[in-house]
N, C-alpha and C. Protein backbone atom coordinates (compact mmCIF):
# COMPACT_ATOMS: atom_id res chain seq x y z
N UNK A 1 25.32 121.36 195.07
CA UNK A 1 25.05 120.50 193.95
C UNK A 1 25.46 121.17 192.65
N UNK A 2 25.28 122.46 192.60
CA UNK A 2 25.62 123.20 191.40
C UNK A 2 27.12 123.17 191.16
N UNK A 3 27.90 123.24 192.23
CA UNK A 3 29.36 123.24 192.07
C UNK A 3 29.87 121.89 191.60
N UNK A 4 29.14 120.83 191.91
CA UNK A 4 29.55 119.50 191.46
C UNK A 4 29.54 119.44 189.93
N UNK A 5 28.57 120.13 189.31
CA UNK A 5 28.48 120.11 187.86
C UNK A 5 29.35 121.19 187.21
N UNK A 6 29.50 122.32 187.87
CA UNK A 6 30.27 123.40 187.25
C UNK A 6 31.77 123.22 187.41
N UNK A 7 32.23 122.54 188.45
CA UNK A 7 33.65 122.34 188.65
C UNK A 7 34.29 121.52 187.53
N UNK A 8 33.75 120.36 187.15
CA UNK A 8 34.36 119.62 186.04
C UNK A 8 34.30 120.39 184.73
N UNK A 9 33.24 121.15 184.52
CA UNK A 9 33.14 121.94 183.30
C UNK A 9 34.21 123.01 183.25
N UNK A 10 34.39 123.71 184.35
CA UNK A 10 35.40 124.78 184.36
C UNK A 10 36.80 124.20 184.26
N UNK A 11 37.05 123.06 184.90
CA UNK A 11 38.37 122.44 184.79
C UNK A 11 38.64 121.96 183.37
N UNK A 12 37.62 121.44 182.70
CA UNK A 12 37.84 120.97 181.34
C UNK A 12 38.09 122.14 180.39
N UNK A 13 37.55 123.31 180.70
CA UNK A 13 37.80 124.49 179.87
C UNK A 13 39.20 125.04 180.14
N UNK A 14 39.62 125.04 181.38
CA UNK A 14 40.93 125.59 181.73
C UNK A 14 42.05 124.68 181.24
N UNK A 15 41.93 123.39 181.49
CA UNK A 15 43.00 122.45 181.16
C UNK A 15 42.69 121.71 179.86
N UNK A 16 42.65 122.42 178.77
CA UNK A 16 42.40 121.78 177.49
C UNK A 16 43.67 121.17 176.93
N UNK A 17 43.53 120.18 176.09
CA UNK A 17 44.68 119.50 175.51
C UNK A 17 45.18 120.28 174.30
N UNK A 18 46.48 120.47 174.25
CA UNK A 18 47.09 121.19 173.13
C UNK A 18 47.95 120.26 172.30
N UNK A 19 47.62 118.99 172.23
CA UNK A 19 48.43 118.02 171.51
C UNK A 19 48.24 118.11 170.00
N UNK A 20 47.16 118.70 169.54
CA UNK A 20 46.91 118.77 168.12
C UNK A 20 47.58 120.01 167.53
N UNK A 21 47.73 119.97 166.22
CA UNK A 21 48.26 121.15 165.53
C UNK A 21 47.24 122.27 165.58
N UNK A 22 47.72 123.47 165.52
CA UNK A 22 46.82 124.62 165.61
C UNK A 22 46.07 124.84 164.30
N UNK A 23 46.70 124.60 163.17
CA UNK A 23 45.97 124.78 161.91
C UNK A 23 45.07 123.57 161.70
N UNK A 24 43.92 123.83 161.19
CA UNK A 24 42.97 122.76 160.97
C UNK A 24 43.01 122.39 159.49
N UNK A 25 43.44 121.19 159.23
CA UNK A 25 43.50 120.71 157.86
C UNK A 25 42.21 119.98 157.53
N UNK A 26 41.59 120.37 156.46
CA UNK A 26 40.34 119.75 156.06
C UNK A 26 40.64 118.45 155.30
N UNK A 27 39.87 117.42 155.56
CA UNK A 27 40.08 116.18 154.79
C UNK A 27 39.49 116.26 153.39
N UNK A 28 38.78 117.34 153.09
CA UNK A 28 38.13 117.49 151.80
C UNK A 28 38.93 118.45 150.93
N UNK A 29 39.01 118.14 149.66
CA UNK A 29 39.64 119.03 148.70
C UNK A 29 38.53 119.59 147.82
N UNK A 30 38.23 120.85 148.00
CA UNK A 30 37.15 121.48 147.27
C UNK A 30 37.68 122.29 146.10
N UNK A 31 37.03 122.15 144.99
CA UNK A 31 37.32 122.99 143.84
C UNK A 31 36.09 123.88 143.66
N UNK A 32 36.22 125.13 144.05
CA UNK A 32 35.05 126.02 144.08
C UNK A 32 34.46 126.26 142.70
N UNK A 33 35.27 126.18 141.65
CA UNK A 33 34.75 126.40 140.30
C UNK A 33 33.80 125.28 139.89
N UNK A 34 33.97 124.11 140.45
CA UNK A 34 33.11 122.98 140.09
C UNK A 34 32.05 122.74 141.17
N UNK A 35 32.44 122.81 142.42
CA UNK A 35 31.55 122.41 143.51
C UNK A 35 30.41 123.39 143.76
N UNK A 36 30.68 124.67 143.67
CA UNK A 36 29.62 125.66 143.93
C UNK A 36 28.52 125.58 142.87
N UNK A 37 28.85 125.57 141.56
CA UNK A 37 27.75 125.42 140.58
C UNK A 37 26.99 124.10 140.72
N UNK A 38 27.69 123.01 141.07
CA UNK A 38 26.99 121.74 141.27
C UNK A 38 26.03 121.81 142.45
N UNK A 39 26.46 122.46 143.54
CA UNK A 39 25.59 122.59 144.71
C UNK A 39 24.38 123.46 144.39
N UNK A 40 24.60 124.54 143.67
CA UNK A 40 23.49 125.43 143.30
C UNK A 40 22.52 124.70 142.36
N UNK A 41 23.07 123.96 141.39
CA UNK A 41 22.21 123.21 140.47
C UNK A 41 21.42 122.14 141.22
N UNK A 42 22.06 121.46 142.16
CA UNK A 42 21.36 120.45 142.95
C UNK A 42 20.24 121.06 143.78
N UNK A 43 20.52 122.20 144.39
CA UNK A 43 19.48 122.88 145.18
C UNK A 43 18.33 123.34 144.28
N UNK A 44 18.65 123.81 143.07
CA UNK A 44 17.61 124.26 142.15
C UNK A 44 16.74 123.09 141.69
N UNK A 45 17.35 121.96 141.38
CA UNK A 45 16.57 120.79 140.96
C UNK A 45 15.70 120.29 142.10
N UNK A 46 16.22 120.31 143.32
CA UNK A 46 15.44 119.89 144.48
C UNK A 46 14.26 120.84 144.70
N UNK A 47 14.49 122.13 144.60
CA UNK A 47 13.41 123.11 144.76
C UNK A 47 12.35 122.93 143.68
N UNK A 48 12.78 122.67 142.44
CA UNK A 48 11.82 122.45 141.36
C UNK A 48 11.00 121.18 141.62
N UNK A 49 11.66 120.13 142.12
CA UNK A 49 10.94 118.90 142.45
C UNK A 49 9.90 119.11 143.53
N UNK A 50 10.25 119.87 144.57
CA UNK A 50 9.27 120.17 145.62
C UNK A 50 8.13 121.02 145.08
N UNK A 51 8.45 121.94 144.16
CA UNK A 51 7.40 122.77 143.54
C UNK A 51 6.43 121.89 142.76
N UNK A 52 6.98 120.93 142.00
CA UNK A 52 6.12 120.03 141.22
C UNK A 52 5.26 119.16 142.13
N UNK A 53 5.81 118.74 143.26
CA UNK A 53 5.02 117.94 144.19
C UNK A 53 3.87 118.74 144.79
N UNK A 54 4.10 120.01 145.06
CA UNK A 54 3.03 120.82 145.65
C UNK A 54 1.96 121.15 144.62
N UNK A 55 2.29 121.15 143.33
CA UNK A 55 1.30 121.45 142.30
C UNK A 55 0.46 120.24 141.91
N UNK A 56 0.83 119.07 142.38
CA UNK A 56 0.11 117.86 142.05
C UNK A 56 -1.24 117.84 142.75
N UNK A 57 -2.25 117.34 142.06
CA UNK A 57 -3.58 117.30 142.67
C UNK A 57 -3.65 116.17 143.70
N UNK A 58 -4.51 116.34 144.68
CA UNK A 58 -4.67 115.32 145.72
C UNK A 58 -5.36 114.10 145.14
N UNK A 59 -5.09 112.96 145.73
CA UNK A 59 -5.74 111.73 145.31
C UNK A 59 -7.14 111.68 145.91
N UNK A 60 -8.08 111.23 145.12
CA UNK A 60 -9.45 111.11 145.58
C UNK A 60 -9.57 109.79 146.34
N UNK A 61 -10.11 109.83 147.55
CA UNK A 61 -10.19 108.62 148.37
C UNK A 61 -11.11 107.57 147.74
N UNK A 62 -12.15 107.99 147.04
CA UNK A 62 -13.05 107.05 146.40
C UNK A 62 -12.32 106.30 145.28
N UNK A 63 -11.47 107.00 144.56
CA UNK A 63 -10.69 106.37 143.49
C UNK A 63 -9.70 105.35 144.06
N UNK A 64 -9.09 105.67 145.20
CA UNK A 64 -8.13 104.75 145.82
C UNK A 64 -8.84 103.50 146.33
N UNK A 65 -10.02 103.67 146.92
CA UNK A 65 -10.76 102.52 147.44
C UNK A 65 -11.20 101.60 146.30
N UNK A 66 -11.52 102.15 145.16
CA UNK A 66 -12.03 101.36 144.04
C UNK A 66 -10.94 100.82 143.12
N UNK A 67 -9.68 100.91 143.51
CA UNK A 67 -8.61 100.35 142.68
C UNK A 67 -8.73 98.84 142.62
N UNK A 68 -8.52 98.30 141.45
CA UNK A 68 -8.52 96.86 141.27
C UNK A 68 -7.06 96.41 141.26
N UNK A 69 -6.66 95.63 142.26
CA UNK A 69 -5.26 95.26 142.40
C UNK A 69 -4.85 94.17 141.42
N UNK A 70 -5.77 93.53 140.75
CA UNK A 70 -5.44 92.47 139.81
C UNK A 70 -5.26 93.01 138.39
N UNK A 71 -5.86 94.11 138.08
CA UNK A 71 -5.74 94.68 136.73
C UNK A 71 -4.58 95.67 136.68
N UNK A 72 -4.59 96.49 135.68
CA UNK A 72 -3.50 97.45 135.50
C UNK A 72 -3.74 98.77 136.21
N UNK A 73 -4.69 98.80 137.16
CA UNK A 73 -4.90 100.03 137.93
C UNK A 73 -3.70 100.31 138.83
N UNK A 74 -3.05 99.26 139.31
CA UNK A 74 -1.89 99.38 140.18
C UNK A 74 -0.72 98.73 139.47
N UNK A 75 0.44 99.39 139.52
CA UNK A 75 1.60 98.83 138.84
C UNK A 75 1.95 97.47 139.42
N UNK A 76 2.60 96.65 138.62
CA UNK A 76 2.83 95.25 138.97
C UNK A 76 3.67 95.10 140.24
N UNK A 77 4.62 95.99 140.43
CA UNK A 77 5.51 95.87 141.59
C UNK A 77 4.78 96.22 142.90
N UNK A 78 3.71 96.98 142.83
CA UNK A 78 3.00 97.40 144.03
C UNK A 78 1.77 96.55 144.34
N UNK A 79 1.54 95.51 143.60
CA UNK A 79 0.33 94.71 143.84
C UNK A 79 0.37 93.93 145.14
N UNK A 80 1.56 93.61 145.64
CA UNK A 80 1.63 92.90 146.91
C UNK A 80 1.26 93.79 148.09
N UNK A 81 1.23 95.08 147.89
CA UNK A 81 0.86 96.00 148.96
C UNK A 81 -0.63 96.19 149.07
N UNK A 82 -1.38 95.36 148.42
CA UNK A 82 -2.83 95.47 148.43
C UNK A 82 -3.41 95.25 149.81
N UNK A 83 -4.67 95.53 149.94
CA UNK A 83 -5.29 95.43 151.26
C UNK A 83 -5.42 93.98 151.71
N UNK A 84 -4.62 93.62 152.69
CA UNK A 84 -4.69 92.30 153.31
C UNK A 84 -4.84 92.53 154.81
N UNK A 85 -5.89 92.03 155.36
CA UNK A 85 -6.08 92.20 156.80
C UNK A 85 -6.51 90.87 157.38
N UNK A 86 -5.81 90.48 158.41
CA UNK A 86 -6.14 89.24 159.09
C UNK A 86 -6.23 89.54 160.58
N UNK A 87 -7.35 89.18 161.16
CA UNK A 87 -7.56 89.45 162.59
C UNK A 87 -6.57 88.65 163.44
N UNK A 88 -6.31 87.40 163.06
CA UNK A 88 -5.39 86.58 163.86
C UNK A 88 -3.96 87.09 163.74
N UNK A 89 -3.57 87.55 162.54
CA UNK A 89 -2.22 88.11 162.38
C UNK A 89 -2.08 89.40 163.17
N UNK A 90 -3.13 90.20 163.20
CA UNK A 90 -3.09 91.44 163.98
C UNK A 90 -2.97 91.15 165.47
N UNK A 91 -3.71 90.16 165.94
CA UNK A 91 -3.66 89.80 167.36
C UNK A 91 -2.29 89.26 167.74
N UNK A 92 -1.71 88.40 166.88
CA UNK A 92 -0.38 87.85 167.14
C UNK A 92 0.67 88.95 167.14
N UNK A 93 0.54 89.87 166.21
CA UNK A 93 1.48 90.98 166.14
C UNK A 93 1.42 91.84 167.39
N UNK A 94 0.22 92.11 167.87
CA UNK A 94 0.08 92.91 169.08
C UNK A 94 0.64 92.18 170.30
N UNK A 95 0.43 90.87 170.38
CA UNK A 95 0.97 90.10 171.51
C UNK A 95 2.49 90.17 171.51
N UNK A 96 3.10 89.97 170.34
CA UNK A 96 4.56 90.04 170.26
C UNK A 96 5.07 91.45 170.56
N UNK A 97 4.40 92.45 170.01
CA UNK A 97 4.85 93.83 170.20
C UNK A 97 4.78 94.22 171.67
N UNK A 98 3.63 94.04 172.28
CA UNK A 98 3.47 94.44 173.68
C UNK A 98 4.21 93.51 174.63
N UNK A 99 4.47 92.29 174.19
CA UNK A 99 5.24 91.37 175.01
C UNK A 99 6.71 91.75 175.08
N UNK A 100 7.24 92.26 173.98
CA UNK A 100 8.65 92.63 173.94
C UNK A 100 8.93 94.06 174.40
N UNK A 101 7.92 94.86 174.59
CA UNK A 101 8.13 96.24 175.02
C UNK A 101 8.84 96.34 176.37
N UNK A 102 8.52 95.54 177.39
CA UNK A 102 9.21 95.69 178.68
C UNK A 102 10.58 95.03 178.75
N UNK A 103 11.05 94.37 177.70
CA UNK A 103 12.33 93.67 177.76
C UNK A 103 13.51 94.57 178.10
N UNK A 104 13.63 95.78 177.54
CA UNK A 104 14.77 96.61 177.94
C UNK A 104 14.78 96.92 179.43
N UNK A 105 13.60 97.15 179.99
CA UNK A 105 13.53 97.43 181.42
C UNK A 105 13.87 96.18 182.22
N UNK A 106 13.43 95.02 181.76
CA UNK A 106 13.74 93.76 182.43
C UNK A 106 15.24 93.50 182.40
N UNK A 107 15.88 93.71 181.23
CA UNK A 107 17.33 93.53 181.14
C UNK A 107 18.06 94.49 182.08
N UNK A 108 17.61 95.74 182.11
CA UNK A 108 18.23 96.71 183.01
C UNK A 108 18.09 96.25 184.47
N UNK A 109 16.92 95.75 184.84
CA UNK A 109 16.70 95.29 186.21
C UNK A 109 17.62 94.12 186.54
N UNK A 110 17.75 93.18 185.62
CA UNK A 110 18.60 92.01 185.85
C UNK A 110 20.06 92.44 185.97
N UNK A 111 20.51 93.30 185.10
CA UNK A 111 21.91 93.75 185.13
C UNK A 111 22.19 94.56 186.38
N UNK A 112 21.26 95.42 186.75
CA UNK A 112 21.49 96.29 187.89
C UNK A 112 21.34 95.58 189.23
N UNK A 113 20.27 94.83 189.39
CA UNK A 113 19.97 94.24 190.69
C UNK A 113 20.08 92.72 190.72
N UNK A 114 20.39 92.12 189.62
CA UNK A 114 20.42 90.67 189.54
C UNK A 114 21.73 90.08 190.04
N UNK A 115 21.90 88.81 189.78
CA UNK A 115 23.06 88.10 190.26
C UNK A 115 24.31 88.39 189.44
N UNK A 116 24.17 89.05 188.34
CA UNK A 116 25.35 89.36 187.50
C UNK A 116 26.28 90.29 188.25
N UNK A 117 25.75 91.27 188.96
CA UNK A 117 26.57 92.23 189.68
C UNK A 117 26.80 91.84 191.13
N UNK A 118 26.49 90.63 191.51
CA UNK A 118 26.60 90.24 192.90
C UNK A 118 28.03 89.99 193.33
N UNK A 119 28.98 89.94 192.39
CA UNK A 119 30.35 89.64 192.79
C UNK A 119 30.94 90.78 193.47
């Protein structure tokens, strides 16, 4: 069994294709005088941003629970994300989710053992 897997691997290593040119031409044209400082500056700004995020204080859960979504406690664009919970919507969502979970396996079964491959 081991030779079945190692034989194609060894043959693909021995008989490699030499149709391409030996020099590798890059599709990118880099100007090191411009690109290196830009990359370093981008990395520095990203590191500073992560530093600022770690220095931020944690949100108090009591403050989040007591937010009033109708006033200016929450920005206008985020007001639709307010707490909406519907038991019937949750039940319907679960039925659809768990109902569609076995579909890939069903399709595989039909394609593999069904009448499609019977010819």
